[in-house]
């Protein structure tokens, strides 16, 4: 029998700051007006949930996708990433780089 999960020990890590992990303030500042309002509502609910039950998982699920999207937008490649994902979902694997098995190695013990 396993022990119950401690809600204060998240199954995800929330990063903020730096080039790869925009802070909530940076997200607010760079979102268009309609998206900013939606973010405020979802972020507020997630904060309340984290405060009330000590579980920050919902907060991570609100922040992380928006952080990734903003980073891709900043780099100008967000639409390209979406297009590649769409092609892969439709079965077009022409752009997928397959690993070369002959280049993998085993550790020498």
PDB file of N, CA and C in Angstrom:
ATOM      1  N   UNK A   1       0.842  -1.177   0.000  1.00  0.00           N
ATOM      2  CA  UNK A   1       0.000   0.000   0.000  1.00  0.00           C
ATOM      3  C   UNK A   1       0.888   1.241   0.000  1.00  0.00           C
ATOM      4  N   UNK A   2       0.574   2.175  -0.849  1.00  0.00           N
ATOM      5  CA  UNK A   2       1.368   3.391  -0.926  1.00  0.00           C
ATOM      6  C   UNK A   2       0.769   4.474  -0.037  1.00  0.00           C
ATOM      7  N   UNK A   3       1.640   5.330   0.423  1.00  0.00           N
ATOM      8  CA  UNK A   3       1.187   6.446   1.265  1.00  0.00           C
ATOM      9  C   UNK A   3       0.460   7.466   0.398  1.00  0.00           C
ATOM     10  N   UNK A   4      -0.517   8.174   0.958  1.00  0.00           N
ATOM     11  CA  UNK A   4      -1.208   9.212   0.180  1.00  0.00           C
ATOM     12  C   UNK A   4      -0.223  10.300  -0.258  1.00  0.00           C
ATOM     13  N   UNK A   5      -0.480  10.853  -1.425  1.00  0.00           N
ATOM     14  CA  UNK A   5       0.380  11.906  -1.958  1.00  0.00           C
ATOM     15  C   UNK A   5       0.244  13.172  -1.130  1.00  0.00           C
ATOM     16  N   UNK A   6       1.369  13.765  -0.804  1.00  0.00           N
ATOM     17  CA  UNK A   6       1.395  15.029  -0.083  1.00  0.00           C
ATOM     18  C   UNK A   6       1.109  16.152  -1.084  1.00  0.00           C
ATOM     19  N   UNK A   7      -0.011  16.869  -0.963  1.00  0.00           N
ATOM     20  CA  UNK A   7      -0.337  17.899  -1.951  1.00  0.00           C
ATOM     21  C   UNK A   7       0.659  19.049  -1.990  1.00  0.00           C
ATOM     22  N   UNK A   8       1.455  19.219  -0.948  1.00  0.00           N
ATOM     23  CA  UNK A   8       2.438  20.300  -0.972  1.00  0.00           C
ATOM     24  C   UNK A   8       3.710  19.892  -1.708  1.00  0.00           C
ATOM     25  N   UNK A   9       3.791  18.616  -2.139  1.00  0.00           N
ATOM     26  CA  UNK A   9       4.924  18.140  -2.937  1.00  0.00           C
ATOM     27  C   UNK A   9       4.432  17.983  -4.372  1.00  0.00           C
ATOM     28  N   UNK A  10       4.650  19.006  -5.211  1.00  0.00           N
ATOM     29  CA  UNK A  10       4.088  18.968  -6.566  1.00  0.00           C
ATOM     30  C   UNK A  10       4.731  17.917  -7.446  1.00  0.00           C
ATOM     31  N   UNK A  11       3.989  17.474  -8.462  1.00  0.00           N
ATOM     32  CA  UNK A  11       4.538  16.530  -9.428  1.00  0.00           C
ATOM     33  C   UNK A  11       5.180  17.278 -10.584  1.00  0.00           C
ATOM     34  N   UNK A  12       5.155  18.582 -10.542  1.00  0.00           N
ATOM     35  CA  UNK A  12       5.800  19.438 -11.537  1.00  0.00           C
ATOM     36  C   UNK A  12       6.545  20.547 -10.806  1.00  0.00           C
ATOM     37  N   UNK A  13       7.505  21.119 -11.485  1.00  0.00           N
ATOM     38  CA  UNK A  13       8.258  22.226 -10.913  1.00  0.00           C
ATOM     39  C   UNK A  13       7.873  23.505 -11.634  1.00  0.00           C
ATOM     40  N   UNK A  14       7.619  24.540 -10.886  1.00  0.00           N
ATOM     41  CA  UNK A  14       7.274  25.830 -11.468  1.00  0.00           C
ATOM     42  C   UNK A  14       8.537  26.678 -11.497  1.00  0.00           C
ATOM     43  N   UNK A  15       8.969  27.027 -12.705  1.00  0.00           N
ATOM     44  CA  UNK A  15      10.139  27.888 -12.882  1.00  0.00           C
ATOM     45  C   UNK A  15       9.651  29.281 -13.256  1.00  0.00           C
ATOM     46  N   UNK A  16      10.303  30.294 -12.752  1.00  0.00           N
ATOM     47  CA  UNK A  16      10.016  31.652 -13.201  1.00  0.00           C
ATOM     48  C   UNK A  16      11.312  32.429 -13.240  1.00  0.00           C
ATOM     49  N   UNK A  17      11.399  33.303 -14.230  1.00  0.00           N
ATOM     50  CA  UNK A  17      12.561  34.148 -14.367  1.00  0.00           C
ATOM     51  C   UNK A  17      13.522  33.649 -15.439  1.00  0.00           C
ATOM     52  N   UNK A  18      14.261  34.540 -15.984  1.00  0.00           N
ATOM     53  CA  UNK A  18      15.215  34.195 -17.025  1.00  0.00           C
ATOM     54  C   UNK A  18      14.554  34.141 -18.390  1.00  0.00           C
ATOM     55  N   UNK A  19      15.359  33.837 -19.387  1.00  0.00           N
ATOM     56  CA  UNK A  19      14.884  33.849 -20.771  1.00  0.00           C
ATOM     57  C   UNK A  19      13.876  32.750 -21.065  1.00  0.00           C
ATOM     58  N   UNK A  20      13.990  31.608 -20.397  1.00  0.00           N
ATOM     59  CA  UNK A  20      13.118  30.476 -20.715  1.00  0.00           C
ATOM     60  C   UNK A  20      11.857  30.394 -19.879  1.00  0.00           C
ATOM     61  N   UNK A  21      11.803  31.091 -18.779  1.00  0.00           N
ATOM     62  CA  UNK A  21      10.656  30.962 -17.876  1.00  0.00           C
ATOM     63  C   UNK A  21      10.125  32.338 -17.491  1.00  0.00           C
ATOM     64  N   UNK A  22       9.354  32.985 -18.391  1.00  0.00           N
ATOM     65  CA  UNK A  22       8.817  34.315 -18.064  1.00  0.00           C
ATOM     66  C   UNK A  22       8.014  34.302 -16.760  1.00  0.00           C
ATOM     67  N   UNK A  23       8.148  35.367 -16.009  1.00  0.00           N
ATOM     68  CA  UNK A  23       7.409  35.496 -14.753  1.00  0.00           C
ATOM     69  C   UNK A  23       5.942  35.800 -15.064  1.00  0.00           C
ATOM     70  N   UNK A  24       5.051  35.626 -14.099  1.00  0.00           N
ATOM     71  CA  UNK A  24       3.656  36.009 -14.332  1.00  0.00           C
ATOM     72  C   UNK A  24       3.516  37.473 -14.763  1.00  0.00           C
ATOM     73  N   UNK A  25       4.337  38.357 -14.217  1.00  0.00           N
ATOM     74  CA  UNK A  25       4.293  39.761 -14.626  1.00  0.00           C
ATOM     75  C   UNK A  25       4.699  39.958 -16.082  1.00  0.00           C
ATOM     76  N   UNK A  26       5.718  39.219 -16.522  1.00  0.00           N
ATOM     77  CA  UNK A  26       6.133  39.300 -17.920  1.00  0.00           C
ATOM     78  C   UNK A  26       5.041  38.749 -18.833  1.00  0.00           C
ATOM     79  N   UNK A  27       4.408  37.667 -18.398  1.00  0.00           N
ATOM     80  CA  UNK A  27       3.302  37.106 -19.184  1.00  0.00           C
ATOM     81  C   UNK A  27       2.199  38.151 -19.344  1.00  0.00           C
ATOM     82  N   UNK A  28       1.809  38.770 -18.234  1.00  0.00           N
ATOM     83  CA  UNK A  28       0.766  39.798 -18.278  1.00  0.00           C
ATOM     84  C   UNK A  28       1.128  40.909 -19.248  1.00  0.00           C
ATOM     85  N   UNK A  29       2.354  41.376 -19.154  1.00  0.00           N
ATOM     86  CA  UNK A  29       2.779  42.521 -19.959  1.00  0.00           C
ATOM     87  C   UNK A  29       2.808  42.215 -21.454  1.00  0.00           C
ATOM     88  N   UNK A  30       3.073  40.978 -21.817  1.00  0.00           N
ATOM     89  CA  UNK A  30       3.252  40.659 -23.238  1.00  0.00           C
ATOM     90  C   UNK A  30       2.035  39.982 -23.874  1.00  0.00           C
ATOM     91  N   UNK A  31       1.016  39.711 -23.095  1.00  0.00           N
ATOM     92  CA  UNK A  31      -0.188  39.099 -23.663  1.00  0.00           C
ATOM     93  C   UNK A  31      -1.089  40.160 -24.283  1.00  0.00           C
ATOM     94  N   UNK A  32      -1.775  39.819 -25.386  1.00  0.00           N
ATOM     95  CA  UNK A  32      -2.776  40.752 -25.911  1.00  0.00           C
ATOM     96  C   UNK A  32      -3.914  40.914 -24.907  1.00  0.00           C
ATOM     97  N   UNK A  33      -4.663  41.997 -25.023  1.00  0.00           N
ATOM     98  CA  UNK A  33      -5.702  42.342 -24.038  1.00  0.00           C
ATOM     99  C   UNK A  33      -6.644  41.188 -23.708  1.00  0.00           C
ATOM    100  N   UNK A  34      -7.247  40.542 -24.699  1.00  0.00           N
ATOM    101  CA  UNK A  34      -8.196  39.454 -24.428  1.00  0.00           C
ATOM    102  C   UNK A  34      -7.550  38.273 -23.736  1.00  0.00           C
ATOM    103  N   UNK A  35      -6.336  37.929 -24.155  1.00  0.00           N
ATOM    104  CA  UNK A  35      -5.620  36.811 -23.543  1.00  0.00           C
ATOM    105  C   UNK A  35      -5.160  37.172 -22.133  1.00  0.00           C
ATOM    106  N   UNK A  36      -4.853  38.447 -21.914  1.00  0.00           N
ATOM    107  CA  UNK A  36      -4.422  38.898 -20.589  1.00  0.00           C
ATOM    108  C   UNK A  36      -5.541  38.721 -19.573  1.00  0.00           C
ATOM    109  N   UNK A  37      -6.758  39.072 -19.963  1.00  0.00           N
ATOM    110  CA  UNK A  37      -7.903  38.925 -19.045  1.00  0.00           C
ATOM    111  C   UNK A  37      -8.142  37.454 -18.711  1.00  0.00           C
ATOM    112  N   UNK A  38      -8.078  36.595 -19.729  1.00  0.00           N
ATOM    113  CA  UNK A  38      -8.248  35.154 -19.499  1.00  0.00           C
ATOM    114  C   UNK A  38      -7.163  34.627 -18.566  1.00  0.00           C
ATOM    115  N   UNK A  39      -5.909  35.063 -18.791  1.00  0.00           N
ATOM    116  CA  UNK A  39      -4.803  34.651 -17.930  1.00  0.00           C
ATOM    117  C   UNK A  39      -5.044  35.086 -16.491  1.00  0.00           C
ATOM    118  N   UNK A  40      -5.474  36.327 -16.296  1.00  0.00           N
ATOM    119  CA  UNK A  40      -5.720  36.840 -14.942  1.00  0.00           C
ATOM    120  C   UNK A  40      -6.731  35.973 -14.186  1.00  0.00           C
ATOM    121  N   UNK A  41      -7.813  35.596 -14.877  1.00  0.00           N
ATOM    122  CA  UNK A  41      -8.845  34.775 -14.240  1.00  0.00           C
ATOM    123  C   UNK A  41      -8.275  33.400 -13.871  1.00  0.00           C
ATOM    124  N   UNK A  42      -7.636  32.741 -14.836  1.00  0.00           N
ATOM    125  CA  UNK A  42      -7.101  31.397 -14.581  1.00  0.00           C
ATOM    126  C   UNK A  42      -5.982  31.426 -13.542  1.00  0.00           C
ATOM    127  N   UNK A  43      -5.101  32.420 -13.631  1.00  0.00           N
ATOM    128  CA  UNK A  43      -4.001  32.546 -12.680  1.00  0.00           C
ATOM    129  C   UNK A  43      -4.535  32.804 -11.271  1.00  0.00           C
ATOM    130  N   UNK A  44      -5.546  33.663 -11.146  1.00  0.00           N
ATOM    131  CA  UNK A  44      -6.144  33.927  -9.838  1.00  0.00           C
ATOM    132  C   UNK A  44      -6.764  32.683  -9.223  1.00  0.00           C
ATOM    133  N   UNK A  45      -7.493  31.917 -10.043  1.00  0.00           N
ATOM    134  CA  UNK A  45      -8.079  30.658  -9.540  1.00  0.00           C
ATOM    135  C   UNK A  45      -6.995  29.690  -9.084  1.00  0.00           C
ATOM    136  N   UNK A  46      -5.928  29.592  -9.889  1.00  0.00           N
ATOM    137  CA  UNK A  46      -4.848  28.663  -9.551  1.00  0.00           C
ATOM    138  C   UNK A  46      -4.145  29.082  -8.261  1.00  0.00           C
ATOM    139  N   UNK A  47      -3.939  30.389  -8.078  1.00  0.00           N
ATOM    140  CA  UNK A  47      -3.334  30.869  -6.835  1.00  0.00           C
ATOM    141  C   UNK A  47      -4.228  30.565  -5.640  1.00  0.00           C
ATOM    142  N   UNK A  48      -5.527  30.819  -5.779  1.00  0.00           N
ATOM    143  CA  UNK A  48      -6.467  30.524  -4.691  1.00  0.00           C
ATOM    144  C   UNK A  48      -6.457  29.036  -4.353  1.00  0.00           C
ATOM    145  N   UNK A  49      -6.431  28.211  -5.391  1.00  0.00           N
ATOM    146  CA  UNK A  49      -6.400  26.755  -5.190  1.00  0.00           C
ATOM    147  C   UNK A  49      -5.125  26.343  -4.449  1.00  0.00           C
ATOM    148  N   UNK A  50      -3.988  26.915  -4.847  1.00  0.00           N
ATOM    149  CA  UNK A  50      -2.718  26.586  -4.204  1.00  0.00           C
ATOM    150  C   UNK A  50      -2.699  27.040  -2.748  1.00  0.00           C
ATOM    151  N   UNK A  51      -3.232  28.230  -2.503  1.00  0.00           N
ATOM    152  CA  UNK A  51      -3.275  28.735  -1.130  1.00  0.00           C
ATOM    153  C   UNK A  51      -4.216  27.917  -0.256  1.00  0.00           C
ATOM    154  N   UNK A  52      -5.369  27.571  -0.823  1.00  0.00           N
ATOM    155  CA  UNK A  52      -6.387  26.865  -0.049  1.00  0.00           C
ATOM    156  C   UNK A  52      -6.024  25.432   0.294  1.00  0.00           C
ATOM    157  N   UNK A  53      -5.448  24.719  -0.649  1.00  0.00           N
ATOM    158  CA  UNK A  53      -5.155  23.314  -0.404  1.00  0.00           C
ATOM    159  C   UNK A  53      -3.685  22.978  -0.391  1.00  0.00           C
ATOM    160  N   UNK A  54      -2.848  23.948  -0.667  1.00  0.00           N
ATOM    161  CA  UNK A  54      -1.412  23.696  -0.669  1.00  0.00           C
ATOM    162  C   UNK A  54      -0.927  22.931  -1.885  1.00  0.00           C
ATOM    163  N   UNK A  55      -1.759  22.817  -2.916  1.00  0.00           N
ATOM    164  CA  UNK A  55      -1.386  22.058  -4.110  1.00  0.00           C
ATOM    165  C   UNK A  55      -1.101  23.024  -5.261  1.00  0.00           C
ATOM    166  N   UNK A  56       0.179  23.177  -5.646  1.00  0.00           N
ATOM    167  CA  UNK A  56       0.535  24.117  -6.701  1.00  0.00           C
ATOM    168  C   UNK A  56       0.429  23.543  -8.118  1.00  0.00           C
ATOM    169  N   UNK A  57      -0.066  22.335  -8.267  1.00  0.00           N
ATOM    170  CA  UNK A  57      -0.118  21.695  -9.584  1.00  0.00           C
ATOM    171  C   UNK A  57      -0.941  22.503 -10.573  1.00  0.00           C
ATOM    172  N   UNK A  58      -2.106  22.980 -10.188  1.00  0.00           N
ATOM    173  CA  UNK A  58      -2.947  23.774 -11.083  1.00  0.00           C
ATOM    174  C   UNK A  58      -2.224  25.046 -11.511  1.00  0.00           C
ATOM    175  N   UNK A  59      -1.484  25.633 -10.611  1.00  0.00           N
ATOM    176  CA  UNK A  59      -0.710  26.829 -10.926  1.00  0.00           C
ATOM    177  C   UNK A  59       0.310  26.521 -12.028  1.00  0.00           C
ATOM    178  N   UNK A  60       0.974  25.393 -11.926  1.00  0.00           N
ATOM    179  CA  UNK A  60       1.938  24.997 -12.957  1.00  0.00           C
ATOM    180  C   UNK A  60       1.246  24.793 -14.288  1.00  0.00           C
ATOM    181  N   UNK A  61       0.060  24.197 -14.270  1.00  0.00           N
ATOM    182  CA  UNK A  61      -0.670  23.941 -15.509  1.00  0.00           C
ATOM    183  C   UNK A  61      -1.184  25.237 -16.158  1.00  0.00           C
ATOM    184  N   UNK A  62      -1.283  26.300 -15.385  1.00  0.00           N
ATOM    185  CA  UNK A  62      -1.662  27.600 -15.942  1.00  0.00           C
ATOM    186  C   UNK A  62      -0.425  28.309 -16.497  1.00  0.00           C
ATOM    187  N   UNK A  63       0.689  28.259 -15.767  1.00  0.00           N
ATOM    188  CA  UNK A  63       1.872  29.018 -16.153  1.00  0.00           C
ATOM    189  C   UNK A  63       2.703  28.380 -17.267  1.00  0.00           C
ATOM    190  N   UNK A  64       3.024  27.107 -17.140  1.00  0.00           N
ATOM    191  CA  UNK A  64       4.002  26.483 -18.036  1.00  0.00           C
ATOM    192  C   UNK A  64       3.632  26.579 -19.518  1.00  0.00           C
ATOM    193  N   UNK A  65       2.413  26.228 -19.936  1.00  0.00           N
ATOM    194  CA  UNK A  65       2.119  26.358 -21.373  1.00  0.00           C
ATOM    195  C   UNK A  65       2.225  27.794 -21.888  1.00  0.00           C
ATOM    196  N   UNK A  66       1.833  28.751 -21.064  1.00  0.00           N
ATOM    197  CA  UNK A  66       1.926  30.148 -21.487  1.00  0.00           C
ATOM    198  C   UNK A  66       3.380  30.607 -21.551  1.00  0.00           C
ATOM    199  N   UNK A  67       4.201  30.108 -20.635  1.00  0.00           N
ATOM    200  CA  UNK A  67       5.618  30.439 -20.683  1.00  0.00           C
ATOM    201  C   UNK A  67       6.246  29.917 -21.979  1.00  0.00           C
ATOM    202  N   UNK A  68       5.978  28.663 -22.315  1.00  0.00           N
ATOM    203  CA  UNK A  68       6.520  28.078 -23.543  1.00  0.00           C
ATOM    204  C   UNK A  68       6.074  28.868 -24.753  1.00  0.00           C
ATOM    205  N   UNK A  69       4.787  29.185 -24.790  1.00  0.00           N
ATOM    206  CA  UNK A  69       4.241  29.897 -25.943  1.00  0.00           C
ATOM    207  C   UNK A  69       4.883  31.278 -26.085  1.00  0.00           C
ATOM    208  N   UNK A  70       5.039  31.988 -24.981  1.00  0.00           N
ATOM    209  CA  UNK A  70       5.648  33.310 -25.034  1.00  0.00           C
ATOM    210  C   UNK A  70       7.099  33.221 -25.506  1.00  0.00           C
ATOM    211  N   UNK A  71       7.846  32.251 -25.019  1.00  0.00           N
ATOM    212  CA  UNK A  71       9.236  32.087 -25.450  1.00  0.00           C
ATOM    213  C   UNK A  71       9.296  31.833 -26.954  1.00  0.00           C
ATOM    214  N   UNK A  72       8.413  30.983 -27.459  1.00  0.00           N
ATOM    215  CA  UNK A  72       8.387  30.721 -28.900  1.00  0.00           C
ATOM    216  C   UNK A  72       7.982  31.975 -29.674  1.00  0.00           C
ATOM    217  N   UNK A  73       7.033  32.728 -29.150  1.00  0.00           N
ATOM    218  CA  UNK A  73       6.636  33.979 -29.815  1.00  0.00           C
ATOM    219  C   UNK A  73       7.803  34.966 -29.847  1.00  0.00           C
ATOM    220  N   UNK A  74       8.518  35.057 -28.756  1.00  0.00           N
ATOM    221  CA  UNK A  74       9.664  35.970 -28.702  1.00  0.00           C
ATOM    222  C   UNK A  74      10.712  35.588 -29.749  1.00  0.00           C
ATOM    223  N   UNK A  75      10.874  34.297 -29.972  1.00  0.00           N
ATOM    224  CA  UNK A  75      11.870  33.818 -30.935  1.00  0.00           C
ATOM    225  C   UNK A  75      11.330  33.766 -32.359  1.00  0.00           C
ATOM    226  N   UNK A  76      10.051  34.057 -32.531  1.00  0.00           N
ATOM    227  CA  UNK A  76       9.473  34.092 -33.859  1.00  0.00           C
ATOM    228  C   UNK A  76       9.228  32.737 -34.481  1.00  0.00           C
ATOM    229  N   UNK A  77       9.231  31.661 -33.695  1.00  0.00           N
ATOM    230  CA  UNK A  77       9.057  30.338 -34.286  1.00  0.00           C
ATOM    231  C   UNK A  77       7.802  29.613 -33.806  1.00  0.00           C
ATOM    232  N   UNK A  78       6.914  30.298 -33.125  1.00  0.00           N
ATOM    233  CA  UNK A  78       5.731  29.632 -32.582  1.00  0.00           C
ATOM    234  C   UNK A  78       4.855  29.031 -33.672  1.00  0.00           C
ATOM    235  N   UNK A  79       4.589  29.788 -34.721  1.00  0.00           N
ATOM    236  CA  UNK A  79       3.740  29.276 -35.808  1.00  0.00           C
ATOM    237  C   UNK A  79       4.400  28.080 -36.488  1.00  0.00           C
ATOM    238  N   UNK A  80       5.729  28.108 -36.639  1.00  0.00           N
ATOM    239  CA  UNK A  80       6.446  26.978 -37.253  1.00  0.00           C
ATOM    240  C   UNK A  80       6.332  25.729 -36.385  1.00  0.00           C
ATOM    241  N   UNK A  81       6.410  25.903 -35.081  1.00  0.00           N
ATOM    242  CA  UNK A  81       6.269  24.764 -34.165  1.00  0.00           C
ATOM    243  C   UNK A  81       4.861  24.178 -34.270  1.00  0.00           C
ATOM    244  N   UNK A  82       3.844  25.034 -34.312  1.00  0.00           N
ATOM    245  CA  UNK A  82       2.467  24.546 -34.450  1.00  0.00           C
ATOM    246  C   UNK A  82       2.272  23.806 -35.771  1.00  0.00           C
ATOM    247  N   UNK A  83       2.825  24.344 -36.850  1.00  0.00           N
ATOM    248  CA  UNK A  83       2.698  23.710 -38.159  1.00  0.00           C
ATOM    249  C   UNK A  83       3.393  22.341 -38.179  1.00  0.00           C
ATOM    250  N   UNK A  84       4.571  22.258 -37.605  1.00  0.00           N
ATOM    251  CA  UNK A  84       5.282  20.963 -37.558  1.00  0.00           C
ATOM    252  C   UNK A  84       4.495  19.943 -36.734  1.00  0.00           C
ATOM    253  N   UNK A  85       3.941  20.365 -35.609  1.00  0.00           N
ATOM    254  CA  UNK A  85       3.135  19.467 -34.775  1.00  0.00           C
ATOM    255  C   UNK A  85       1.906  18.983 -35.533  1.00  0.00           C
ATOM    256  N   UNK A  86       1.262  19.888 -36.282  1.00  0.00           N
ATOM    257  CA  UNK A  86       0.097  19.503 -37.071  1.00  0.00           C
ATOM    258  C   UNK A  86       0.467  18.448 -38.111  1.00  0.00           C
ATOM    259  N   UNK A  87       1.591  18.659 -38.810  1.00  0.00           N
ATOM    260  CA  UNK A  87       2.019  17.693 -39.833  1.00  0.00           C
ATOM    261  C   UNK A  87       2.331  16.326 -39.221  1.00  0.00           C
ATOM    262  N   UNK A  88       2.981  16.312 -38.069  1.00  0.00           N
ATOM    263  CA  UNK A  88       3.320  15.045 -37.410  1.00  0.00           C
ATOM    264  C   UNK A  88       2.050  14.325 -36.986  1.00  0.00           C
ATOM    265  N   UNK A  89       1.073  15.068 -36.418  1.00  0.00           N
ATOM    266  CA  UNK A  89      -0.202  14.449 -36.029  1.00  0.00           C
ATOM    267  C   UNK A  89      -0.903  13.827 -37.223  1.00  0.00           C
ATOM    268  N   UNK A  90      -0.747  14.450 -38.401  1.00  0.00           N
ATOM    269  CA  UNK A  90      -1.385  13.940 -39.607  1.00  0.00           C
ATOM    270  C   UNK A  90      -0.580  12.819 -40.267  1.00  0.00           C
ATOM    271  N   UNK A  91       0.556  12.450 -39.670  1.00  0.00           N
ATOM    272  CA  UNK A  91       1.330  11.320 -40.175  1.00  0.00           C
ATOM    273  C   UNK A  91       2.521  11.677 -41.037  1.00  0.00           C
ATOM    274  N   UNK A  92       2.771  12.946 -41.261  1.00  0.00           N
ATOM    275  CA  UNK A  92       3.915  13.365 -42.066  1.00  0.00           C
ATOM    276  C   UNK A  92       5.157  13.392 -41.179  1.00  0.00           C
ATOM    277  N   UNK A  93       5.983  12.367 -41.289  1.00  0.00           N
ATOM    278  CA  UNK A  93       7.175  12.276 -40.458  1.00  0.00           C
ATOM    279  C   UNK A  93       8.430  12.688 -41.223  1.00  0.00           C
ATOM    280  N   UNK A  94       8.266  13.369 -42.358  1.00  0.00           N
ATOM    281  CA  UNK A  94       9.407  13.729 -43.192  1.00  0.00           C
ATOM    282  C   UNK A  94      10.369  14.689 -42.495  1.00  0.00           C
ATOM    283  N   UNK A  95       9.895  15.474 -41.584  1.00  0.00           N
ATOM    284  CA  UNK A  95      10.767  16.427 -40.897  1.00  0.00           C
ATOM    285  C   UNK A  95      11.337  15.902 -39.595  1.00  0.00           C
ATOM    286  N   UNK A  96      10.964  14.672 -39.229  1.00  0.00           N
ATOM    287  CA  UNK A  96      11.420  14.105 -37.962  1.00  0.00           C
ATOM    288  C   UNK A  96      12.805  13.502 -38.166  1.00  0.00           C
ATOM    289  N   UNK A  97      13.727  13.847 -37.313  1.00  0.00           N
ATOM    290  CA  UNK A  97      15.076  13.297 -37.385  1.00  0.00           C
ATOM    291  C   UNK A  97      15.112  12.046 -36.517  1.00  0.00           C
ATOM    292  N   UNK A  98      15.371  10.930 -37.160  1.00  0.00           N
ATOM    293  CA  UNK A  98      15.429   9.664 -36.432  1.00  0.00           C
ATOM    294  C   UNK A  98      16.823   9.466 -35.837  1.00  0.00           C
ATOM    295  N   UNK A  99      16.905   8.862 -34.655  1.00  0.00           N
ATOM    296  CA  UNK A  99      18.223   8.633 -34.056  1.00  0.00           C
ATOM    297  C   UNK A  99      18.991   7.585 -34.837  1.00  0.00           C
ATOM    298  N   UNK A 100      20.289   7.766 -34.919  1.00  0.00           N
ATOM    299  CA  UNK A 100      21.129   6.770 -35.573  1.00  0.00           C
ATOM    300  C   UNK A 100      21.606   5.803 -34.516  1.00  0.00           C
ATOM    301  N   UNK A 101      21.144   4.580 -34.624  1.00  0.00           N
ATOM    302  CA  UNK A 101      21.464   3.569 -33.622  1.00  0.00           C
ATOM    303  C   UNK A 101      22.963   3.314 -33.581  1.00  0.00           C
ATOM    304  N   UNK A 102      23.632   3.375 -34.742  1.00  0.00           N
ATOM    305  CA  UNK A 102      25.065   3.109 -34.770  1.00  0.00           C
ATOM    306  C   UNK A 102      25.870   4.170 -34.020  1.00  0.00           C
ATOM    307  N   UNK A 103      25.265   5.302 -33.710  1.00  0.00           N
ATOM    308  CA  UNK A 103      25.974   6.360 -32.994  1.00  0.00           C
ATOM    309  C   UNK A 103      25.769   6.268 -31.488  1.00  0.00           C
ATOM    310  N   UNK A 104      24.814   5.423 -31.069  1.00  0.00           N
ATOM    311  CA  UNK A 104      24.606   5.221 -29.633  1.00  0.00           C
ATOM    312  C   UNK A 104      25.731   4.342 -29.114  1.00  0.00           C
ATOM    313  N   UNK A 105      26.105   4.514 -27.898  1.00  0.00           N
ATOM    314  CA  UNK A 105      27.176   3.696 -27.357  1.00  0.00           C
ATOM    315  C   UNK A 105      26.787   3.183 -25.983  1.00  0.00           C
ATOM    316  N   UNK A 106      27.437   2.145 -25.606  1.00  0.00           N
ATOM    317  CA  UNK A 106      27.229   1.594 -24.262  1.00  0.00           C
ATOM    318  C   UNK A 106      28.459   1.935 -23.410  1.00  0.00           C
ATOM    319  N   UNK A 107      28.186   2.193 -22.177  1.00  0.00           N
ATOM    320  CA  UNK A 107      29.301   2.505 -21.281  1.00  0.00           C
ATOM    321  C   UNK A 107      30.208   1.275 -21.139  1.00  0.00           C
ATOM    322  N   UNK A 108      31.489   1.502 -21.125  1.00  0.00           N
ATOM    323  CA  UNK A 108      32.460   0.441 -20.919  1.00  0.00           C
ATOM    324  C   UNK A 108      32.683   0.297 -19.412  1.00  0.00           C
ATOM    325  N   UNK A 109      32.363  -0.834 -18.896  1.00  0.00           N
ATOM    326  CA  UNK A 109      32.524  -1.032 -17.446  1.00  0.00           C
ATOM    327  C   UNK A 109      33.827  -1.681 -17.160  1.00  0.00           C
TER     328      UNK A 109
END
